């Protein structure tokens, strides 16, 4: 997946969250765990997810390792699908997209569009 495309998705989701306010707050209710061996790519705190702002983490771990960890951590209500360039876990409160970027694994948290209505 191209970085420009991913950033465009994040920008759209963030703008939608700003327009609807607290309707995105359920995103960070503890149902989308953050990979422990990853660092935040942005200067914003992880708590911004509670406001519905998309966020990207990066890890030097292999994508397969990150996917395996999320497979064991997510509830049965999340659906795993292969996307172009990565794996997507779609959950009721949002999605987690895992993909390779410059020999690292990136983990993107995207608020659920249903929460933004």
PDB file of N, CA and C in Angstrom:
ATOM      1  N   UNK A   1       0.847  -1.161   0.000  1.00  0.00           N
ATOM      2  CA  UNK A   1       0.000   0.000   0.000  1.00  0.00           C
ATOM      3  C   UNK A   1       0.899   1.231   0.000  1.00  0.00           C
ATOM      4  N   UNK A   2       0.603   2.187  -0.812  1.00  0.00           N
ATOM      5  CA  UNK A   2       1.447   3.370  -0.919  1.00  0.00           C
ATOM      6  C   UNK A   2       1.250   4.284   0.281  1.00  0.00           C
ATOM      7  N   UNK A   3       2.354   4.907   0.712  1.00  0.00           N
ATOM      8  CA  UNK A   3       2.317   5.790   1.874  1.00  0.00           C
ATOM      9  C   UNK A   3       1.361   6.946   1.647  1.00  0.00           C
ATOM     10  N   UNK A   4       1.357   7.516   0.438  1.00  0.00           N
ATOM     11  CA  UNK A   4       0.451   8.628   0.146  1.00  0.00           C
ATOM     12  C   UNK A   4      -1.007   8.225   0.341  1.00  0.00           C
ATOM     13  N   UNK A   5      -1.350   7.011  -0.102  1.00  0.00           N
ATOM     14  CA  UNK A   5      -2.724   6.518   0.041  1.00  0.00           C
ATOM     15  C   UNK A   5      -3.077   6.360   1.512  1.00  0.00           C
ATOM     16  N   UNK A   6      -2.178   5.789   2.282  1.00  0.00           N
ATOM     17  CA  UNK A   6      -2.426   5.586   3.708  1.00  0.00           C
ATOM     18  C   UNK A   6      -2.596   6.929   4.397  1.00  0.00           C
ATOM     19  N   UNK A   7      -1.729   7.877   4.104  1.00  0.00           N
ATOM     20  CA  UNK A   7      -1.823   9.199   4.734  1.00  0.00           C
ATOM     21  C   UNK A   7      -3.127   9.896   4.342  1.00  0.00           C
ATOM     22  N   UNK A   8      -3.596   9.693   3.112  1.00  0.00           N
ATOM     23  CA  UNK A   8      -4.860  10.288   2.686  1.00  0.00           C
ATOM     24  C   UNK A   8      -6.027   9.694   3.462  1.00  0.00           C
ATOM     25  N   UNK A   9      -5.993   8.386   3.698  1.00  0.00           N
ATOM     26  CA  UNK A   9      -7.039   7.735   4.491  1.00  0.00           C
ATOM     27  C   UNK A   9      -7.035   8.307   5.904  1.00  0.00           C
ATOM     28  N   UNK A  10      -5.853   8.455   6.489  1.00  0.00           N
ATOM     29  CA  UNK A  10      -5.763   8.987   7.842  1.00  0.00           C
ATOM     30  C   UNK A  10      -6.277  10.418   7.905  1.00  0.00           C
ATOM     31  N   UNK A  11      -5.906  11.227   6.934  1.00  0.00           N
ATOM     32  CA  UNK A  11      -6.347  12.624   6.926  1.00  0.00           C
ATOM     33  C   UNK A  11      -7.862  12.708   6.815  1.00  0.00           C
ATOM     34  N   UNK A  12      -8.450  11.892   5.972  1.00  0.00           N
ATOM     35  CA  UNK A  12      -9.912  11.882   5.824  1.00  0.00           C
ATOM     36  C   UNK A  12     -10.591  11.456   7.110  1.00  0.00           C
ATOM     37  N   UNK A  13     -10.063  10.419   7.741  1.00  0.00           N
ATOM     38  CA  UNK A  13     -10.656   9.930   8.988  1.00  0.00           C
ATOM     39  C   UNK A  13     -10.512  10.957  10.102  1.00  0.00           C
ATOM     40  N   UNK A  14      -9.361  11.598  10.174  1.00  0.00           N
ATOM     41  CA  UNK A  14      -9.151  12.613  11.209  1.00  0.00           C
ATOM     42  C   UNK A  14     -10.088  13.794  11.004  1.00  0.00           C
ATOM     43  N   UNK A  15     -10.260  14.218   9.755  1.00  0.00           N
ATOM     44  CA  UNK A  15     -11.169  15.325   9.467  1.00  0.00           C
ATOM     45  C   UNK A  15     -12.598  14.957   9.834  1.00  0.00           C
ATOM     46  N   UNK A  16     -13.002  13.752   9.530  1.00  0.00           N
ATOM     47  CA  UNK A  16     -14.356  13.305   9.871  1.00  0.00           C
ATOM     48  C   UNK A  16     -14.550  13.284  11.378  1.00  0.00           C
ATOM     49  N   UNK A  17     -13.539  12.849  12.115  1.00  0.00           N
ATOM     50  CA  UNK A  17     -13.645  12.827  13.572  1.00  0.00           C
ATOM     51  C   UNK A  17     -13.754  14.230  14.130  1.00  0.00           C
ATOM     52  N   UNK A  18     -13.029  15.166  13.567  1.00  0.00           N
ATOM     53  CA  UNK A  18     -13.105  16.540  14.040  1.00  0.00           C
ATOM     54  C   UNK A  18     -14.488  17.120  13.798  1.00  0.00           C
ATOM     55  N   UNK A  19     -15.126  16.720  12.695  1.00  0.00           N
ATOM     56  CA  UNK A  19     -16.454  17.239  12.374  1.00  0.00           C
ATOM     57  C   UNK A  19     -17.517  16.680  13.308  1.00  0.00           C
ATOM     58  N   UNK A  20     -17.369  15.432  13.751  1.00  0.00           N
ATOM     59  CA  UNK A  20     -18.404  14.824  14.574  1.00  0.00           C
ATOM     60  C   UNK A  20     -18.069  14.818  16.052  1.00  0.00           C
ATOM     61  N   UNK A  21     -16.875  15.239  16.413  1.00  0.00           N
ATOM     62  CA  UNK A  21     -16.515  15.356  17.816  1.00  0.00           C
ATOM     63  C   UNK A  21     -16.398  14.033  18.528  1.00  0.00           C
ATOM     64  N   UNK A  22     -17.099  13.895  19.647  1.00  0.00           N
ATOM     65  CA  UNK A  22     -16.922  12.741  20.514  1.00  0.00           C
ATOM     66  C   UNK A  22     -17.496  11.449  19.948  1.00  0.00           C
ATOM     67  N   UNK A  23     -18.097  11.462  18.793  1.00  0.00           N
ATOM     68  CA  UNK A  23     -18.616  10.241  18.196  1.00  0.00           C
ATOM     69  C   UNK A  23     -17.541   9.224  17.909  1.00  0.00           C
ATOM     70  N   UNK A  24     -16.290   9.648  17.874  1.00  0.00           N
ATOM     71  CA  UNK A  24     -15.172   8.736  17.610  1.00  0.00           C
ATOM     72  C   UNK A  24     -14.519   8.236  18.892  1.00  0.00           C
ATOM     73  N   UNK A  25     -14.974   8.686  20.040  1.00  0.00           N
ATOM     74  CA  UNK A  25     -14.289   8.403  21.302  1.00  0.00           C
ATOM     75  C   UNK A  25     -14.196   6.922  21.628  1.00  0.00           C
ATOM     76  N   UNK A  26     -15.106   6.100  21.145  1.00  0.00           N
ATOM     77  CA  UNK A  26     -15.065   4.675  21.472  1.00  0.00           C
ATOM     78  C   UNK A  26     -13.873   3.962  20.853  1.00  0.00           C
ATOM     79  N   UNK A  27     -13.156   4.581  19.954  1.00  0.00           N
ATOM     80  CA  UNK A  27     -11.997   3.988  19.283  1.00  0.00           C
ATOM     81  C   UNK A  27     -10.979   3.452  20.284  1.00  0.00           C
ATOM     82  N   UNK A  28     -10.687   4.187  21.325  1.00  0.00           N
ATOM     83  CA  UNK A  28      -9.632   3.781  22.257  1.00  0.00           C
ATOM     84  C   UNK A  28     -10.216   3.308  23.577  1.00  0.00           C
ATOM     85  N   UNK A  29     -11.142   2.413  23.509  1.00  0.00           N
ATOM     86  CA  UNK A  29     -11.765   1.916  24.728  1.00  0.00           C
ATOM     87  C   UNK A  29     -11.107   0.618  25.206  1.00  0.00           C
ATOM     88  N   UNK A  30      -9.859   0.403  24.830  1.00  0.00           N
ATOM     89  CA  UNK A  30      -9.135  -0.774  25.272  1.00  0.00           C
ATOM     90  C   UNK A  30      -9.315  -1.981  24.364  1.00  0.00           C
ATOM     91  N   UNK A  31     -10.085  -1.862  23.305  1.00  0.00           N
ATOM     92  CA  UNK A  31     -10.335  -3.000  22.434  1.00  0.00           C
ATOM     93  C   UNK A  31      -9.319  -3.126  21.304  1.00  0.00           C
ATOM     94  N   UNK A  32      -8.528  -2.107  21.062  1.00  0.00           N
ATOM     95  CA  UNK A  32      -7.502  -2.169  20.023  1.00  0.00           C
ATOM     96  C   UNK A  32      -6.133  -2.046  20.698  1.00  0.00           C
ATOM     97  N   UNK A  33      -5.496  -3.173  20.974  1.00  0.00           N
ATOM     98  CA  UNK A  33      -4.220  -3.128  21.688  1.00  0.00           C
ATOM     99  C   UNK A  33      -3.086  -2.588  20.821  1.00  0.00           C
ATOM    100  N   UNK A  34      -2.134  -1.927  21.470  1.00  0.00           N
ATOM    101  CA  UNK A  34      -0.956  -1.405  20.777  1.00  0.00           C
ATOM    102  C   UNK A  34       0.180  -2.404  20.897  1.00  0.00           C
ATOM    103  N   UNK A  35       0.808  -2.673  19.786  1.00  0.00           N
ATOM    104  CA  UNK A  35       1.912  -3.628  19.742  1.00  0.00           C
ATOM    105  C   UNK A  35       3.030  -3.156  20.677  1.00  0.00           C
ATOM    106  N   UNK A  36       3.500  -4.017  21.583  1.00  0.00           N
ATOM    107  CA  UNK A  36       4.467  -3.587  22.600  1.00  0.00           C
ATOM    108  C   UNK A  36       5.855  -3.234  22.074  1.00  0.00           C
ATOM    109  N   UNK A  37       6.259  -3.780  20.944  1.00  0.00           N
ATOM    110  CA  UNK A  37       7.605  -3.516  20.411  1.00  0.00           C
ATOM    111  C   UNK A  37       7.581  -2.481  19.302  1.00  0.00           C
ATOM    112  N   UNK A  38       6.714  -1.473  19.453  1.00  0.00           N
ATOM    113  CA  UNK A  38       6.579  -0.451  18.413  1.00  0.00           C
ATOM    114  C   UNK A  38       6.722   0.939  19.005  1.00  0.00           C
ATOM    115  N   UNK A  39       7.121   1.871  18.152  1.00  0.00           N
ATOM    116  CA  UNK A  39       7.202   3.262  18.592  1.00  0.00           C
ATOM    117  C   UNK A  39       6.201   4.087  17.789  1.00  0.00           C
ATOM    118  N   UNK A  40       5.764   5.150  18.383  1.00  0.00           N
ATOM    119  CA  UNK A  40       4.814   6.061  17.776  1.00  0.00           C
ATOM    120  C   UNK A  40       5.537   6.905  16.725  1.00  0.00           C
ATOM    121  N   UNK A  41       5.030   6.978  15.513  1.00  0.00           N
ATOM    122  CA  UNK A  41       5.666   7.773  14.461  1.00  0.00           C
ATOM    123  C   UNK A  41       5.337   9.256  14.562  1.00  0.00           C
ATOM    124  N   UNK A  42       4.330   9.588  15.323  1.00  0.00           N
ATOM    125  CA  UNK A  42       3.912  10.977  15.445  1.00  0.00           C
ATOM    126  C   UNK A  42       4.341  11.538  16.795  1.00  0.00           C
ATOM    127  N   UNK A  43       4.323  12.848  16.904  1.00  0.00           N
ATOM    128  CA  UNK A  43       4.662  13.472  18.177  1.00  0.00           C
ATOM    129  C   UNK A  43       3.462  13.515  19.119  1.00  0.00           C
ATOM    130  N   UNK A  44       2.296  13.154  18.613  1.00  0.00           N
ATOM    131  CA  UNK A  44       1.112  13.180  19.464  1.00  0.00           C
ATOM    132  C   UNK A  44       1.070  11.957  20.374  1.00  0.00           C
ATOM    133  N   UNK A  45       0.447  12.108  21.555  1.00  0.00           N
ATOM    134  CA  UNK A  45       0.365  10.971  22.476  1.00  0.00           C
ATOM    135  C   UNK A  45      -0.622   9.925  21.991  1.00  0.00           C
ATOM    136  N   UNK A  46      -0.452   8.713  22.479  1.00  0.00           N
ATOM    137  CA  UNK A  46      -1.340   7.620  22.082  1.00  0.00           C
ATOM    138  C   UNK A  46      -2.788   7.895  22.465  1.00  0.00           C
ATOM    139  N   UNK A  47      -3.003   8.762  23.433  1.00  0.00           N
ATOM    140  CA  UNK A  47      -4.367   9.072  23.871  1.00  0.00           C
ATOM    141  C   UNK A  47      -5.199   9.749  22.790  1.00  0.00           C
ATOM    142  N   UNK A  48      -4.581  10.227  21.710  1.00  0.00           N
ATOM    143  CA  UNK A  48      -5.363  10.870  20.643  1.00  0.00           C
ATOM    144  C   UNK A  48      -6.302   9.882  19.966  1.00  0.00           C
ATOM    145  N   UNK A  49      -6.004   8.596  20.077  1.00  0.00           N
ATOM    146  CA  UNK A  49      -6.891   7.605  19.473  1.00  0.00           C
ATOM    147  C   UNK A  49      -8.273   7.692  20.122  1.00  0.00           C
ATOM    148  N   UNK A  50      -8.303   8.055  21.417  1.00  0.00           N
ATOM    149  CA  UNK A  50      -9.596   8.179  22.097  1.00  0.00           C
ATOM    150  C   UNK A  50     -10.437   9.299  21.503  1.00  0.00           C
ATOM    151  N   UNK A  51      -9.804  10.215  20.790  1.00  0.00           N
ATOM    152  CA  UNK A  51     -10.526  11.289  20.110  1.00  0.00           C
ATOM    153  C   UNK A  51     -10.825  10.912  18.666  1.00  0.00           C
ATOM    154  N   UNK A  52     -10.462   9.687  18.275  1.00  0.00           N
ATOM    155  CA  UNK A  52     -10.751   9.215  16.931  1.00  0.00           C
ATOM    156  C   UNK A  52      -9.719   9.585  15.889  1.00  0.00           C
ATOM    157  N   UNK A  53      -8.547  10.033  16.324  1.00  0.00           N
ATOM    158  CA  UNK A  53      -7.498  10.414  15.378  1.00  0.00           C
ATOM    159  C   UNK A  53      -6.694   9.181  14.994  1.00  0.00           C
ATOM    160  N   UNK A  54      -6.562   8.899  13.717  1.00  0.00           N
ATOM    161  CA  UNK A  54      -5.752   7.750  13.286  1.00  0.00           C
ATOM    162  C   UNK A  54      -4.302   7.911  13.743  1.00  0.00           C
ATOM    163  N   UNK A  55      -3.646   6.799  13.934  1.00  0.00           N
ATOM    164  CA  UNK A  55      -2.287   6.809  14.454  1.00  0.00           C
ATOM    165  C   UNK A  55      -1.488   5.673  13.831  1.00  0.00           C
ATOM    166  N   UNK A  56      -0.178   5.881  13.668  1.00  0.00           N
ATOM    167  CA  UNK A  56       0.700   4.855  13.095  1.00  0.00           C
ATOM    168  C   UNK A  56       1.844   4.572  14.059  1.00  0.00           C
ATOM    169  N   UNK A  57       2.066   3.285  14.298  1.00  0.00           N
ATOM    170  CA  UNK A  57       3.214   2.820  15.065  1.00  0.00           C
ATOM    171  C   UNK A  57       4.160   2.107  14.106  1.00  0.00           C
ATOM    172  N   UNK A  58       5.433   2.007  14.500  1.00  0.00           N
ATOM    173  CA  UNK A  58       6.413   1.314  13.660  1.00  0.00           C
ATOM    174  C   UNK A  58       7.251   0.402  14.531  1.00  0.00           C
ATOM    175  N   UNK A  59       7.583  -0.772  13.982  1.00  0.00           N
ATOM    176  CA  UNK A  59       8.391  -1.751  14.693  1.00  0.00           C
ATOM    177  C   UNK A  59       9.457  -2.321  13.767  1.00  0.00           C
ATOM    178  N   UNK A  60      10.581  -2.677  14.350  1.00  0.00           N
ATOM    179  CA  UNK A  60      11.621  -3.357  13.571  1.00  0.00           C
ATOM    180  C   UNK A  60      11.338  -4.853  13.491  1.00  0.00           C
ATOM    181  N   UNK A  61      10.314  -5.311  14.199  1.00  0.00           N
ATOM    182  CA  UNK A  61       9.914  -6.715  14.115  1.00  0.00           C
ATOM    183  C   UNK A  61       9.343  -7.018  12.731  1.00  0.00           C
ATOM    184  N   UNK A  62       9.406  -8.268  12.338  1.00  0.00           N
ATOM    185  CA  UNK A  62       8.864  -8.686  11.038  1.00  0.00           C
ATOM    186  C   UNK A  62       7.342  -8.532  11.032  1.00  0.00           C
ATOM    187  N   UNK A  63       6.800  -8.222   9.869  1.00  0.00           N
ATOM    188  CA  UNK A  63       5.353  -8.088   9.723  1.00  0.00           C
ATOM    189  C   UNK A  63       4.656  -9.354  10.211  1.00  0.00           C
ATOM    190  N   UNK A  64       5.193 -10.522   9.870  1.00  0.00           N
ATOM    191  CA  UNK A  64       4.591 -11.788  10.290  1.00  0.00           C
ATOM    192  C   UNK A  64       4.506 -11.893  11.809  1.00  0.00           C
ATOM    193  N   UNK A  65       5.516 -11.403  12.517  1.00  0.00           N
ATOM    194  CA  UNK A  65       5.505 -11.421  13.982  1.00  0.00           C
ATOM    195  C   UNK A  65       4.430 -10.503  14.542  1.00  0.00           C
ATOM    196  N   UNK A  66       4.296  -9.334  13.947  1.00  0.00           N
ATOM    197  CA  UNK A  66       3.276  -8.371  14.389  1.00  0.00           C
ATOM    198  C   UNK A  66       1.880  -8.944  14.142  1.00  0.00           C
ATOM    199  N   UNK A  67       1.681  -9.515  12.952  1.00  0.00           N
ATOM    200  CA  UNK A  67       0.382 -10.115  12.625  1.00  0.00           C
ATOM    201  C   UNK A  67       0.064 -11.259  13.586  1.00  0.00           C
ATOM    202  N   UNK A  68       1.060 -12.091  13.885  1.00  0.00           N
ATOM    203  CA  UNK A  68       0.849 -13.214  14.810  1.00  0.00           C
ATOM    204  C   UNK A  68       0.453 -12.706  16.193  1.00  0.00           C
ATOM    205  N   UNK A  69       1.099 -11.639  16.659  1.00  0.00           N
ATOM    206  CA  UNK A  69       0.775 -11.081  17.964  1.00  0.00           C
ATOM    207  C   UNK A  69      -0.672 -10.577  17.986  1.00  0.00           C
ATOM    208  N   UNK A  70      -1.064  -9.820  16.952  1.00  0.00           N
ATOM    209  CA  UNK A  70      -2.434  -9.306  16.903  1.00  0.00           C
ATOM    210  C   UNK A  70      -3.455 -10.435  16.783  1.00  0.00           C
ATOM    211  N   UNK A  71      -3.102 -11.490  16.095  1.00  0.00           N
ATOM    212  CA  UNK A  71      -4.012 -12.633  15.959  1.00  0.00           C
ATOM    213  C   UNK A  71      -4.345 -13.212  17.331  1.00  0.00           C
ATOM    214  N   UNK A  72      -3.368 -13.247  18.232  1.00  0.00           N
ATOM    215  CA  UNK A  72      -3.612 -13.780  19.572  1.00  0.00           C
ATOM    216  C   UNK A  72      -4.264 -12.764  20.509  1.00  0.00           C
ATOM    217  N   UNK A  73      -4.141 -11.480  20.218  1.00  0.00           N
ATOM    218  CA  UNK A  73      -4.630 -10.441  21.122  1.00  0.00           C
ATOM    219  C   UNK A  73      -6.056  -9.969  20.847  1.00  0.00           C
ATOM    220  N   UNK A  74      -6.498 -10.067  19.606  1.00  0.00           N
ATOM    221  CA  UNK A  74      -7.805  -9.523  19.245  1.00  0.00           C
ATOM    222  C   UNK A  74      -8.922 -10.522  19.488  1.00  0.00           C
ATOM    223  N   UNK A  75     -10.069  -9.999  19.826  1.00  0.00           N
ATOM    224  CA  UNK A  75     -11.223 -10.858  20.097  1.00  0.00           C
ATOM    225  C   UNK A  75     -11.769 -11.466  18.811  1.00  0.00           C
ATOM    226  N   UNK A  76     -12.657 -12.415  18.968  1.00  0.00           N
ATOM    227  CA  UNK A  76     -13.285 -13.075  17.829  1.00  0.00           C
ATOM    228  C   UNK A  76     -14.185 -12.152  17.027  1.00  0.00           C
ATOM    229  N   UNK A  77     -14.459 -10.958  17.539  1.00  0.00           N
ATOM    230  CA  UNK A  77     -15.315 -10.019  16.806  1.00  0.00           C
ATOM    231  C   UNK A  77     -14.546  -9.268  15.720  1.00  0.00           C
ATOM    232  N   UNK A  78     -13.235  -9.479  15.642  1.00  0.00           N
ATOM    233  CA  UNK A  78     -12.413  -8.840  14.610  1.00  0.00           C
ATOM    234  C   UNK A  78     -12.220  -9.800  13.440  1.00  0.00           C
ATOM    235  N   UNK A  79     -12.266  -9.270  12.237  1.00  0.00           N
ATOM    236  CA  UNK A  79     -12.105 -10.069  11.032  1.00  0.00           C
ATOM    237  C   UNK A  79     -10.762  -9.754  10.387  1.00  0.00           C
ATOM    238  N   UNK A  80     -10.001 -10.790  10.076  1.00  0.00           N
ATOM    239  CA  UNK A  80      -8.697 -10.620   9.431  1.00  0.00           C
ATOM    240  C   UNK A  80      -8.845 -10.808   7.933  1.00  0.00           C
ATOM    241  N   UNK A  81      -8.324  -9.865   7.161  1.00  0.00           N
ATOM    242  CA  UNK A  81      -8.330  -9.979   5.710  1.00  0.00           C
ATOM    243  C   UNK A  81      -6.989  -9.515   5.151  1.00  0.00           C
ATOM    244  N   UNK A  82      -6.620 -10.093   4.030  1.00  0.00           N
ATOM    245  CA  UNK A  82      -5.417  -9.651   3.335  1.00  0.00           C
ATOM    246  C   UNK A  82      -5.792  -8.443   2.484  1.00  0.00           C
ATOM    247  N   UNK A  83      -5.015  -7.399   2.594  1.00  0.00           N
ATOM    248  CA  UNK A  83      -5.189  -6.189   1.800  1.00  0.00           C
ATOM    249  C   UNK A  83      -3.957  -6.050   0.908  1.00  0.00           C
ATOM    250  N   UNK A  84      -4.045  -5.208  -0.088  1.00  0.00           N
ATOM    251  CA  UNK A  84      -2.865  -5.023  -0.931  1.00  0.00           C
ATOM    252  C   UNK A  84      -1.741  -4.456  -0.074  1.00  0.00           C
ATOM    253  N   UNK A  85      -0.690  -5.210   0.058  1.00  0.00           N
ATOM    254  CA  UNK A  85       0.472  -4.765   0.808  1.00  0.00           C
ATOM    255  C   UNK A  85       0.439  -5.062   2.290  1.00  0.00           C
ATOM    256  N   UNK A  86      -0.602  -5.708   2.810  1.00  0.00           N
ATOM    257  CA  UNK A  86      -0.615  -5.969   4.234  1.00  0.00           C
ATOM    258  C   UNK A  86      -1.814  -6.768   4.699  1.00  0.00           C
ATOM    259  N   UNK A  87      -2.028  -6.722   6.005  1.00  0.00           N
ATOM    260  CA  UNK A  87      -3.128  -7.432   6.658  1.00  0.00           C
ATOM    261  C   UNK A  87      -3.980  -6.399   7.387  1.00  0.00           C
ATOM    262  N   UNK A  88      -5.292  -6.603   7.337  1.00  0.00           N
ATOM    263  CA  UNK A  88      -6.211  -5.702   8.031  1.00  0.00           C
ATOM    264  C   UNK A  88      -7.054  -6.507   9.010  1.00  0.00           C
ATOM    265  N   UNK A  89      -7.128  -6.006  10.237  1.00  0.00           N
ATOM    266  CA  UNK A  89      -8.037  -6.546  11.233  1.00  0.00           C
ATOM    267  C   UNK A  89      -9.155  -5.522  11.393  1.00  0.00           C
ATOM    268  N   UNK A  90     -10.361  -5.892  10.982  1.00  0.00           N
ATOM    269  CA  UNK A  90     -11.516  -5.009  11.112  1.00  0.00           C
ATOM    270  C   UNK A  90     -12.263  -5.386  12.382  1.00  0.00           C
ATOM    271  N   UNK A  91     -12.372  -4.441  13.296  1.00  0.00           N
ATOM    272  CA  UNK A  91     -13.032  -4.660  14.579  1.00  0.00           C
ATOM    273  C   UNK A  91     -14.197  -3.680  14.702  1.00  0.00           C
ATOM    274  N   UNK A  92     -15.127  -3.920  15.604  1.00  0.00           N
ATOM    275  CA  UNK A  92     -16.257  -3.006  15.753  1.00  0.00           C
ATOM    276  C   UNK A  92     -15.858  -1.561  16.061  1.00  0.00           C
ATOM    277  N   UNK A  93     -14.759  -1.364  16.790  1.00  0.00           N
ATOM    278  CA  UNK A  93     -14.358  -0.007  17.162  1.00  0.00           C
ATOM    279  C   UNK A  93     -13.333   0.616  16.225  1.00  0.00           C
ATOM    280  N   UNK A  94     -12.859  -0.134  15.244  1.00  0.00           N
ATOM    281  CA  UNK A  94     -11.884   0.402  14.298  1.00  0.00           C
ATOM    282  C   UNK A  94     -11.094  -0.701  13.634  1.00  0.00           C
ATOM    283  N   UNK A  95     -10.141  -0.297  12.836  1.00  0.00           N
ATOM    284  CA  UNK A  95      -9.319  -1.266  12.113  1.00  0.00           C
ATOM    285  C   UNK A  95      -7.856  -1.094  12.468  1.00  0.00           C
ATOM    286  N   UNK A  96      -7.145  -2.198  12.369  1.00  0.00           N
ATOM    287  CA  UNK A  96      -5.699  -2.195  12.518  1.00  0.00           C
ATOM    288  C   UNK A  96      -5.140  -2.714  11.209  1.00  0.00           C
ATOM    289  N   UNK A  97      -4.304  -1.905  10.571  1.00  0.00           N
ATOM    290  CA  UNK A  97      -3.683  -2.303   9.308  1.00  0.00           C
ATOM    291  C   UNK A  97      -2.196  -2.490   9.569  1.00  0.00           C
ATOM    292  N   UNK A  98      -1.669  -3.635   9.138  1.00  0.00           N
ATOM    293  CA  UNK A  98      -0.263  -3.960   9.345  1.00  0.00           C
ATOM    294  C   UNK A  98       0.372  -4.191   7.985  1.00  0.00           C
ATOM    295  N   UNK A  99       1.469  -3.494   7.719  1.00  0.00           N
ATOM    296  CA  UNK A  99       2.102  -3.571   6.404  1.00  0.00           C
ATOM    297  C   UNK A  99       3.592  -3.274   6.533  1.00  0.00           C
ATOM    298  N   UNK A 100       4.348  -3.684   5.529  1.00  0.00           N
ATOM    299  CA  UNK A 100       5.786  -3.428   5.500  1.00  0.00           C
ATOM    300  C   UNK A 100       6.049  -2.059   4.885  1.00  0.00           C
ATOM    301  N   UNK A 101       7.003  -1.347   5.481  1.00  0.00           N
ATOM    302  CA  UNK A 101       7.420  -0.056   4.938  1.00  0.00           C
ATOM    303  C   UNK A 101       8.892   0.138   5.262  1.00  0.00           C
ATOM    304  N   UNK A 102       9.723   0.228   4.245  1.00  0.00           N
ATOM    305  CA  UNK A 102      11.165   0.421   4.392  1.00  0.00           C
ATOM    306  C   UNK A 102      11.774  -0.572   5.388  1.00  0.00           C
ATOM    307  N   UNK A 103      11.491  -1.843   5.168  1.00  0.00           N
ATOM    308  CA  UNK A 103      12.026  -2.950   5.950  1.00  0.00           C
ATOM    309  C   UNK A 103      11.596  -2.942   7.417  1.00  0.00           C
ATOM    310  N   UNK A 104      10.505  -2.258   7.717  1.00  0.00           N
ATOM    311  CA  UNK A 104       9.939  -2.244   9.062  1.00  0.00           C
ATOM    312  C   UNK A 104       8.458  -2.567   8.952  1.00  0.00           C
ATOM    313  N   UNK A 105       7.860  -2.905  10.082  1.00  0.00           N
ATOM    314  CA  UNK A 105       6.415  -3.139  10.122  1.00  0.00           C
ATOM    315  C   UNK A 105       5.742  -1.874  10.632  1.00  0.00           C
ATOM    316  N   UNK A 106       4.712  -1.439   9.928  1.00  0.00           N
ATOM    317  CA  UNK A 106       3.925  -0.309  10.402  1.00  0.00           C
ATOM    318  C   UNK A 106       2.541  -0.815  10.789  1.00  0.00           C
ATOM    319  N   UNK A 107       2.028  -0.250  11.874  1.00  0.00           N
ATOM    320  CA  UNK A 107       0.730  -0.633  12.413  1.00  0.00           C
ATOM    321  C   UNK A 107      -0.121   0.631  12.445  1.00  0.00           C
ATOM    322  N   UNK A 108      -1.178   0.643  11.666  1.00  0.00           N
ATOM    323  CA  UNK A 108      -2.036   1.820  11.581  1.00  0.00           C
ATOM    324  C   UNK A 108      -3.370   1.531  12.260  1.00  0.00           C
ATOM    325  N   UNK A 109      -3.783   2.445  13.106  1.00  0.00           N
ATOM    326  CA  UNK A 109      -5.083   2.374  13.786  1.00  0.00           C
ATOM    327  C   UNK A 109      -6.008   3.367  13.108  1.00  0.00           C
ATOM    328  N   UNK A 110      -7.135   2.890  12.602  1.00  0.00           N
ATOM    329  CA  UNK A 110      -8.084   3.730  11.878  1.00  0.00           C
ATOM    330  C   UNK A 110      -9.438   3.614  12.557  1.00  0.00           C
ATOM    331  N   UNK A 111     -10.047   4.735  12.962  1.00  0.00           N
ATOM    332  CA  UNK A 111     -11.364   4.675  13.610  1.00  0.00           C
ATOM    333  C   UNK A 111     -12.396   4.039  12.706  1.00  0.00           C
ATOM    334  N   UNK A 112     -13.375   3.396  13.315  1.00  0.00           N
ATOM    335  CA  UNK A 112     -14.471   2.793  12.563  1.00  0.00           C
ATOM    336  C   UNK A 112     -15.318   3.877  11.932  1.00  0.00           C
ATOM    337  N   UNK A 113     -15.634   3.714  10.655  1.00  0.00           N
ATOM    338  CA  UNK A 113     -16.477   4.682   9.971  1.00  0.00           C
ATOM    339  C   UNK A 113     -17.879   4.690  10.582  1.00  0.00           C
ATOM    340  N   UNK A 114     -18.317   3.563  11.142  1.00  0.00           N
ATOM    341  CA  UNK A 114     -19.632   3.499  11.780  1.00  0.00           C
ATOM    342  C   UNK A 114     -19.700   4.431  12.994  1.00  0.00           C
ATOM    343  N   UNK A 115     -18.556   4.605  13.673  1.00  0.00           N
ATOM    344  CA  UNK A 115     -18.518   5.485  14.828  1.00  0.00           C
ATOM    345  C   UNK A 115     -18.540   6.957  14.437  1.00  0.00           C
ATOM    346  N   UNK A 116     -18.242   7.237  13.176  1.00  0.00           N
ATOM    347  CA  UNK A 116     -18.169   8.615  12.725  1.00  0.00           C
ATOM    348  C   UNK A 116     -19.465   9.138  12.168  1.00  0.00           C
ATOM    349  N   UNK A 117     -20.508   8.341  12.181  1.00  0.00           N
ATOM    350  CA  UNK A 117     -21.802   8.783  11.633  1.00  0.00           C
ATOM    351  C   UNK A 117     -22.498   9.715  12.567  1.00  0.00           C
TER     352      UNK A 117
END
